PDB file of N, CA and C in Angstrom:
ATOM      1  N   MET A   1       2.992  64.730  -3.153  1.00  0.00           N
ATOM      2  CA  MET A   1       3.396  63.981  -4.330  1.00  0.00           C
ATOM      3  C   MET A   1       2.622  62.676  -4.378  1.00  0.00           C
ATOM      4  N   ASP A   2       2.125  62.374  -5.540  1.00  0.00           N
ATOM      5  CA  ASP A   2       1.313  61.174  -5.728  1.00  0.00           C
ATOM      6  C   ASP A   2       2.151  60.123  -6.454  1.00  0.00           C
ATOM      7  N   LEU A   3       2.756  59.246  -5.679  1.00  0.00           N
ATOM      8  CA  LEU A   3       3.623  58.224  -6.269  1.00  0.00           C
ATOM      9  C   LEU A   3       2.845  57.009  -6.760  1.00  0.00           C
ATOM     10  N   SER A   4       1.513  57.078  -6.711  1.00  0.00           N
ATOM     11  CA  SER A   4       0.724  55.954  -7.216  1.00  0.00           C
ATOM     12  C   SER A   4       0.672  55.957  -8.743  1.00  0.00           C
ATOM     13  N   LYS A   5       1.066  57.064  -9.356  1.00  0.00           N
ATOM     14  CA  LYS A   5       1.068  57.159 -10.819  1.00  0.00           C
ATOM     15  C   LYS A   5       2.437  56.774 -11.362  1.00  0.00           C
ATOM     16  N   LYS A   6       2.425  55.856 -12.303  1.00  0.00           N
ATOM     17  CA  LYS A   6       3.671  55.354 -12.900  1.00  0.00           C
ATOM     18  C   LYS A   6       4.133  56.282 -14.012  1.00  0.00           C
ATOM     19  N   THR A   7       4.812  57.348 -13.618  1.00  0.00           N
ATOM     20  CA  THR A   7       5.267  58.323 -14.610  1.00  0.00           C
ATOM     21  C   THR A   7       6.783  58.473 -14.542  1.00  0.00           C
ATOM     22  N   PRO A   8       7.392  58.866 -15.657  1.00  0.00           N
ATOM     23  CA  PRO A   8       8.837  59.136 -15.635  1.00  0.00           C
ATOM     24  C   PRO A   8       9.187  60.225 -14.620  1.00  0.00           C
ATOM     25  N   GLU A   9       8.286  61.182 -14.428  1.00  0.00           N
ATOM     26  CA  GLU A   9       8.539  62.254 -13.464  1.00  0.00           C
ATOM     27  C   GLU A   9       8.613  61.708 -12.038  1.00  0.00           C
ATOM     28  N   ASN A  10       7.735  60.768 -11.705  1.00  0.00           N
ATOM     29  CA  ASN A  10       7.774  60.169 -10.373  1.00  0.00           C
ATOM     30  C   ASN A  10       9.026  59.324 -10.191  1.00  0.00           C
ATOM     31  N   ILE A  11       9.444  58.629 -11.242  1.00  0.00           N
ATOM     32  CA  ILE A  11      10.691  57.865 -11.171  1.00  0.00           C
ATOM     33  C   ILE A  11      11.841  58.815 -10.887  1.00  0.00           C
ATOM     34  N   GLU A  12      11.871  59.935 -11.600  1.00  0.00           N
ATOM     35  CA  GLU A  12      12.941  60.906 -11.391  1.00  0.00           C
ATOM     36  C   GLU A  12      12.939  61.421  -9.953  1.00  0.00           C
ATOM     37  N   LEU A  13      11.774  61.741  -9.445  1.00  0.00           N
ATOM     38  CA  LEU A  13      11.662  62.229  -8.072  1.00  0.00           C
ATOM     39  C   LEU A  13      12.172  61.187  -7.075  1.00  0.00           C
ATOM     40  N   MET A  14      11.735  59.950  -7.244  1.00  0.00           N
ATOM     41  CA  MET A  14      12.158  58.894  -6.313  1.00  0.00           C
ATOM     42  C   MET A  14      13.658  58.656  -6.393  1.00  0.00           C
ATOM     43  N   ILE A  15      14.214  58.600  -7.595  1.00  0.00           N
ATOM     44  CA  ILE A  15      15.654  58.372  -7.756  1.00  0.00           C
ATOM     45  C   ILE A  15      16.440  59.506  -7.103  1.00  0.00           C
ATOM     46  N   GLU A  16      15.994  60.740  -7.303  1.00  0.00           N
ATOM     47  CA  GLU A  16      16.692  61.878  -6.689  1.00  0.00           C
ATOM     48  C   GLU A  16      16.634  61.807  -5.170  1.00  0.00           C
ATOM     49  N   GLU A  17      15.487  61.433  -4.615  1.00  0.00           N
ATOM     50  CA  GLU A  17      15.371  61.317  -3.164  1.00  0.00           C
ATOM     51  C   GLU A  17      16.241  60.176  -2.628  1.00  0.00           C
ATOM     52  N   ILE A  18      16.287  59.076  -3.363  1.00  0.00           N
ATOM     53  CA  ILE A  18      17.134  57.945  -2.958  1.00  0.00           C
ATOM     54  C   ILE A  18      18.593  58.375  -2.973  1.00  0.00           C
ATOM     55  N   LYS A  19      19.017  59.040  -4.035  1.00  0.00           N
ATOM     56  CA  LYS A  19      20.418  59.483  -4.135  1.00  0.00           C
ATOM     57  C   LYS A  19      20.767  60.430  -2.984  1.00  0.00           C
ATOM     58  N   THR A  20      19.853  61.345  -2.676  1.00  0.00           N
ATOM     59  CA  THR A  20      20.096  62.292  -1.587  1.00  0.00           C
ATOM     60  C   THR A  20      20.208  61.561  -0.252  1.00  0.00           C
ATOM     61  N   LYS A  21      19.284  60.666   0.009  1.00  0.00           N
ATOM     62  CA  LYS A  21      19.258  59.951   1.283  1.00  0.00           C
ATOM     63  C   LYS A  21      20.490  59.048   1.433  1.00  0.00           C
ATOM     64  N   LEU A  22      20.912  58.430   0.338  1.00  0.00           N
ATOM     65  CA  LEU A  22      22.064  57.533   0.396  1.00  0.00           C
ATOM     66  C   LEU A  22      23.381  58.291   0.312  1.00  0.00           C
ATOM     67  N   ARG A  23      23.283  59.597   0.071  1.00  0.00           N
ATOM     68  CA  ARG A  23      24.479  60.435  -0.073  1.00  0.00           C
ATOM     69  C   ARG A  23      25.431  59.823  -1.099  1.00  0.00           C
ATOM     70  N   MET A  24      24.875  59.508  -2.235  1.00  0.00           N
ATOM     71  CA  MET A  24      25.650  58.828  -3.272  1.00  0.00           C
ATOM     72  C   MET A  24      26.645  59.783  -3.911  1.00  0.00           C
ATOM     73  N   ALA A  25      27.914  59.484  -3.752  1.00  0.00           N
ATOM     74  CA  ALA A  25      28.971  60.287  -4.358  1.00  0.00           C
ATOM     75  C   ALA A  25      28.902  60.191  -5.880  1.00  0.00           C
ATOM     76  N   SER A  26      28.515  59.037  -6.369  1.00  0.00           N
ATOM     77  CA  SER A  26      28.434  58.833  -7.816  1.00  0.00           C
ATOM     78  C   SER A  26      26.999  58.984  -8.293  1.00  0.00           C
ATOM     79  N   GLY A  27      26.264  59.892  -7.669  1.00  0.00           N
ATOM     80  CA  GLY A  27      24.863  60.090  -8.016  1.00  0.00           C
ATOM     81  C   GLY A  27      24.631  60.427  -9.468  1.00  0.00           C
ATOM     82  N   ALA A  28      25.594  61.087 -10.093  1.00  0.00           N
ATOM     83  CA  ALA A  28      25.445  61.442 -11.504  1.00  0.00           C
ATOM     84  C   ALA A  28      25.331  60.195 -12.378  1.00  0.00           C
ATOM     85  N   ALA A  29      25.896  59.100 -11.925  1.00  0.00           N
ATOM     86  CA  ALA A  29      25.834  57.854 -12.692  1.00  0.00           C
ATOM     87  C   ALA A  29      24.447  57.213 -12.603  1.00  0.00           C
ATOM     88  N   MET A  30      23.640  57.658 -11.667  1.00  0.00           N
ATOM     89  CA  MET A  30      22.323  57.068 -11.454  1.00  0.00           C
ATOM     90  C   MET A  30      21.260  58.045 -11.951  1.00  0.00           C
ATOM     91  N   GLN A  31      21.115  58.132 -13.257  1.00  0.00           N
ATOM     92  CA  GLN A  31      20.150  59.040 -13.874  1.00  0.00           C
ATOM     93  C   GLN A  31      18.769  58.389 -13.931  1.00  0.00           C
ATOM     94  N   ALA A  32      17.753  59.162 -13.616  1.00  0.00           N
ATOM     95  CA  ALA A  32      16.382  58.644 -13.644  1.00  0.00           C
ATOM     96  C   ALA A  32      16.010  58.134 -15.032  1.00  0.00           C
ATOM     97  N   SER A  33      16.567  58.735 -16.076  1.00  0.00           N
ATOM     98  CA  SER A  33      16.250  58.319 -17.445  1.00  0.00           C
ATOM     99  C   SER A  33      16.767  56.912 -17.751  1.00  0.00           C
ATOM    100  N   ALA A  34      17.612  56.376 -16.883  1.00  0.00           N
ATOM    101  CA  ALA A  34      18.144  55.029 -17.084  1.00  0.00           C
ATOM    102  C   ALA A  34      17.165  53.957 -16.622  1.00  0.00           C
ATOM    103  N   PHE A  35      16.033  54.383 -16.068  1.00  0.00           N
ATOM    104  CA  PHE A  35      15.055  53.431 -15.539  1.00  0.00           C
ATOM    105  C   PHE A  35      13.786  53.469 -16.369  1.00  0.00           C
ATOM    106  N   SER A  36      13.151  52.323 -16.468  1.00  0.00           N
ATOM    107  CA  SER A  36      11.928  52.187 -17.236  1.00  0.00           C
ATOM    108  C   SER A  36      10.722  52.206 -16.303  1.00  0.00           C
ATOM    109  N   VAL A  37       9.596  52.659 -16.818  1.00  0.00           N
ATOM    110  CA  VAL A  37       8.358  52.653 -16.039  1.00  0.00           C
ATOM    111  C   VAL A  37       7.972  51.216 -15.672  1.00  0.00           C
ATOM    112  N   GLU A  38       8.451  50.235 -16.439  1.00  0.00           N
ATOM    113  CA  GLU A  38       8.160  48.836 -16.106  1.00  0.00           C
ATOM    114  C   GLU A  38       8.732  48.439 -14.743  1.00  0.00           C
ATOM    115  N   GLN A  39       9.774  49.125 -14.296  1.00  0.00           N
ATOM    116  CA  GLN A  39      10.372  48.812 -12.997  1.00  0.00           C
ATOM    117  C   GLN A  39       9.836  49.701 -11.884  1.00  0.00           C
ATOM    118  N   TYR A  40       8.732  50.376 -12.146  1.00  0.00           N
ATOM    119  CA  TYR A  40       8.202  51.366 -11.210  1.00  0.00           C
ATOM    120  C   TYR A  40       8.013  50.798  -9.807  1.00  0.00           C
ATOM    121  N   GLU A  41       7.370  49.638  -9.706  1.00  0.00           N
ATOM    122  CA  GLU A  41       7.098  49.068  -8.384  1.00  0.00           C
ATOM    123  C   GLU A  41       8.398  48.761  -7.628  1.00  0.00           C
ATOM    124  N   ASP A  42       9.389  48.249  -8.340  1.00  0.00           N
ATOM    125  CA  ASP A  42      10.672  47.941  -7.694  1.00  0.00           C
ATOM    126  C   ASP A  42      11.341  49.216  -7.194  1.00  0.00           C
ATOM    127  N   ILE A  43      11.312  50.268  -8.010  1.00  0.00           N
ATOM    128  CA  ILE A  43      11.913  51.543  -7.614  1.00  0.00           C
ATOM    129  C   ILE A  43      11.146  52.122  -6.430  1.00  0.00           C
ATOM    130  N   GLN A  44       9.826  52.011  -6.475  1.00  0.00           N
ATOM    131  CA  GLN A  44       9.016  52.537  -5.373  1.00  0.00           C
ATOM    132  C   GLN A  44       9.295  51.766  -4.080  1.00  0.00           C
ATOM    133  N   ASP A  45       9.483  50.454  -4.173  1.00  0.00           N
ATOM    134  CA  ASP A  45       9.817  49.659  -2.983  1.00  0.00           C
ATOM    135  C   ASP A  45      11.140  50.127  -2.370  1.00  0.00           C
ATOM    136  N   ILE A  46      12.135  50.340  -3.214  1.00  0.00           N
ATOM    137  CA  ILE A  46      13.436  50.819  -2.735  1.00  0.00           C
ATOM    138  C   ILE A  46      13.278  52.207  -2.121  1.00  0.00           C
ATOM    139  N   HIS A  47      12.538  53.061  -2.803  1.00  0.00           N
ATOM    140  CA  HIS A  47      12.301  54.426  -2.306  1.00  0.00           C
ATOM    141  C   HIS A  47      11.640  54.386  -0.926  1.00  0.00           C
ATOM    142  N   ASP A  48      10.586  53.584  -0.786  1.00  0.00           N
ATOM    143  CA  ASP A  48       9.876  53.492   0.491  1.00  0.00           C
ATOM    144  C   ASP A  48      10.799  53.013   1.601  1.00  0.00           C
ATOM    145  N   LEU A  49      11.602  52.013   1.306  1.00  0.00           N
ATOM    146  CA  LEU A  49      12.543  51.476   2.297  1.00  0.00           C
ATOM    147  C   LEU A  49      13.559  52.540   2.719  1.00  0.00           C
ATOM    148  N   VAL A  50      14.131  53.222   1.753  1.00  0.00           N
ATOM    149  CA  VAL A  50      15.145  54.234   2.036  1.00  0.00           C
ATOM    150  C   VAL A  50      14.548  55.388   2.840  1.00  0.00           C
ATOM    151  N   MET A  51      13.345  55.818   2.473  1.00  0.00           N
ATOM    152  CA  MET A  51      12.732  56.958   3.152  1.00  0.00           C
ATOM    153  C   MET A  51      12.310  56.619   4.587  1.00  0.00           C
ATOM    154  N   LYS A  52      11.999  55.361   4.867  1.00  0.00           N
ATOM    155  CA  LYS A  52      11.579  54.944   6.209  1.00  0.00           C
ATOM    156  C   LYS A  52      12.729  54.930   7.201  1.00  0.00           C
ATOM    157  N   LYS A  53      13.915  54.634   6.723  1.00  0.00           N
ATOM    158  CA  LYS A  53      15.055  54.448   7.618  1.00  0.00           C
ATOM    159  C   LYS A  53      15.734  55.770   7.930  1.00  0.00           C
ATOM    160  N   ASN A  54      16.091  55.949   9.210  1.00  0.00           N
ATOM    161  CA  ASN A  54      16.852  57.140   9.597  1.00  0.00           C
ATOM    162  C   ASN A  54      18.304  56.997   9.205  1.00  0.00           C
ATOM    163  N   ASN A  55      18.835  55.816   9.419  1.00  0.00           N
ATOM    164  CA  ASN A  55      20.240  55.548   9.104  1.00  0.00           C
ATOM    165  C   ASN A  55      20.330  54.235   8.354  1.00  0.00           C
ATOM    166  N   LEU A  56      21.247  54.192   7.419  1.00  0.00           N
ATOM    167  CA  LEU A  56      21.494  52.967   6.667  1.00  0.00           C
ATOM    168  C   LEU A  56      22.945  52.561   6.872  1.00  0.00           C
ATOM    169  N   SER A  57      23.154  51.271   7.056  1.00  0.00           N
ATOM    170  CA  SER A  57      24.525  50.778   7.193  1.00  0.00           C
ATOM    171  C   SER A  57      25.202  50.789   5.827  1.00  0.00           C
ATOM    172  N   ILE A  58      26.499  50.678   5.837  1.00  0.00           N
ATOM    173  CA  ILE A  58      27.249  50.633   4.577  1.00  0.00           C
ATOM    174  C   ILE A  58      26.791  49.448   3.738  1.00  0.00           C
ATOM    175  N   SER A  59      26.570  48.319   4.370  1.00  0.00           N
ATOM    176  CA  SER A  59      26.144  47.140   3.610  1.00  0.00           C
ATOM    177  C   SER A  59      24.738  47.330   3.029  1.00  0.00           C
ATOM    178  N   GLU A  60      23.858  48.028   3.756  1.00  0.00           N
ATOM    179  CA  GLU A  60      22.528  48.308   3.216  1.00  0.00           C
ATOM    180  C   GLU A  60      22.631  49.233   2.001  1.00  0.00           C
ATOM    181  N   VAL A  61      23.442  50.266   2.103  1.00  0.00           N
ATOM    182  CA  VAL A  61      23.628  51.185   0.984  1.00  0.00           C
ATOM    183  C   VAL A  61      24.181  50.437  -0.223  1.00  0.00           C
ATOM    184  N   GLU A  62      25.184  49.599   0.003  1.00  0.00           N
ATOM    185  CA  GLU A  62      25.766  48.828  -1.099  1.00  0.00           C
ATOM    186  C   GLU A  62      24.719  47.931  -1.750  1.00  0.00           C
ATOM    187  N   SER A  63      23.898  47.290  -0.940  1.00  0.00           N
ATOM    188  CA  SER A  63      22.853  46.414  -1.477  1.00  0.00           C
ATOM    189  C   SER A  63      21.837  47.191  -2.300  1.00  0.00           C
ATOM    190  N   LEU A  64      21.442  48.348  -1.795  1.00  0.00           N
ATOM    191  CA  LEU A  64      20.469  49.167  -2.513  1.00  0.00           C
ATOM    192  C   LEU A  64      21.040  49.695  -3.823  1.00  0.00           C
ATOM    193  N   VAL A  65      22.278  50.122  -3.799  1.00  0.00           N
ATOM    194  CA  VAL A  65      22.920  50.613  -5.028  1.00  0.00           C
ATOM    195  C   VAL A  65      23.049  49.480  -6.042  1.00  0.00           C
ATOM    196  N   THR A  66      23.388  48.286  -5.568  1.00  0.00           N
ATOM    197  CA  THR A  66      23.472  47.123  -6.454  1.00  0.00           C
ATOM    198  C   THR A  66      22.119  46.832  -7.085  1.00  0.00           C
ATOM    199  N   GLU A  67      21.067  46.896  -6.285  1.00  0.00           N
ATOM    200  CA  GLU A  67      19.722  46.634  -6.799  1.00  0.00           C
ATOM    201  C   GLU A  67      19.307  47.698  -7.812  1.00  0.00           C
ATOM    202  N   LEU A  68      19.597  48.957  -7.528  1.00  0.00           N
ATOM    203  CA  LEU A  68      19.289  50.017  -8.494  1.00  0.00           C
ATOM    204  C   LEU A  68      20.071  49.807  -9.791  1.00  0.00           C
ATOM    205  N   GLY A  69      21.315  49.385  -9.666  1.00  0.00           N
ATOM    206  CA  GLY A  69      22.121  49.093 -10.852  1.00  0.00           C
ATOM    207  C   GLY A  69      21.516  47.979 -11.681  1.00  0.00           C
ATOM    208  N   ARG A  70      20.959  46.983 -11.016  1.00  0.00           N
ATOM    209  CA  ARG A  70      20.327  45.863 -11.702  1.00  0.00           C
ATOM    210  C   ARG A  70      19.076  46.323 -12.462  1.00  0.00           C
ATOM    211  N   LEU A  71      18.385  47.306 -11.898  1.00  0.00           N
ATOM    212  CA  LEU A  71      17.143  47.779 -12.508  1.00  0.00           C
ATOM    213  C   LEU A  71      17.370  48.731 -13.689  1.00  0.00           C
ATOM    214  N   ARG A  72      18.564  49.279 -13.761  1.00  0.00           N
ATOM    215  CA  ARG A  72      18.841  50.232 -14.855  1.00  0.00           C
ATOM    216  C   ARG A  72      18.689  49.560 -16.203  1.00  0.00           C
ATOM    217  N   ARG A  73      18.251  50.342 -17.163  1.00  0.00           N
ATOM    218  CA  ARG A  73      18.109  49.832 -18.544  1.00  0.00           C
ATOM    219  C   ARG A  73      19.482  49.459 -19.082  1.00  0.00           C
ATOM    220  N   GLN A  74      19.516  48.380 -19.756  1.00  0.00           N
ATOM    221  CA  GLN A  74      20.766  47.975 -20.411  1.00  0.00           C
ATOM    222  C   GLN A  74      20.839  48.673 -21.763  1.00  0.00           C
ATOM    223  N   SER A  75      21.979  49.346 -22.017  1.00  0.00           N
ATOM    224  CA  SER A  75      22.085  50.048 -23.297  1.00  0.00           C
ATOM    225  C   SER A  75      22.674  49.188 -24.378  1.00  0.00           C
TER     226      SER A  75
END
């Protein structure tokens, strides 16, 4: 997978991998379509961090979910 390209498909892939890794119970609330390509670098940074770690503490998960919530498009 080539995450160097800022595409909606790559955003979707990264969001799905983040949700899986974080074991998000409310994953349905975190739809890839809620994110803009303008936030690509921020999403990629979160994705890279999540994928590097074997285990995440509860506080780390909460912080990451909060940050993803901040990046979501406001409707």
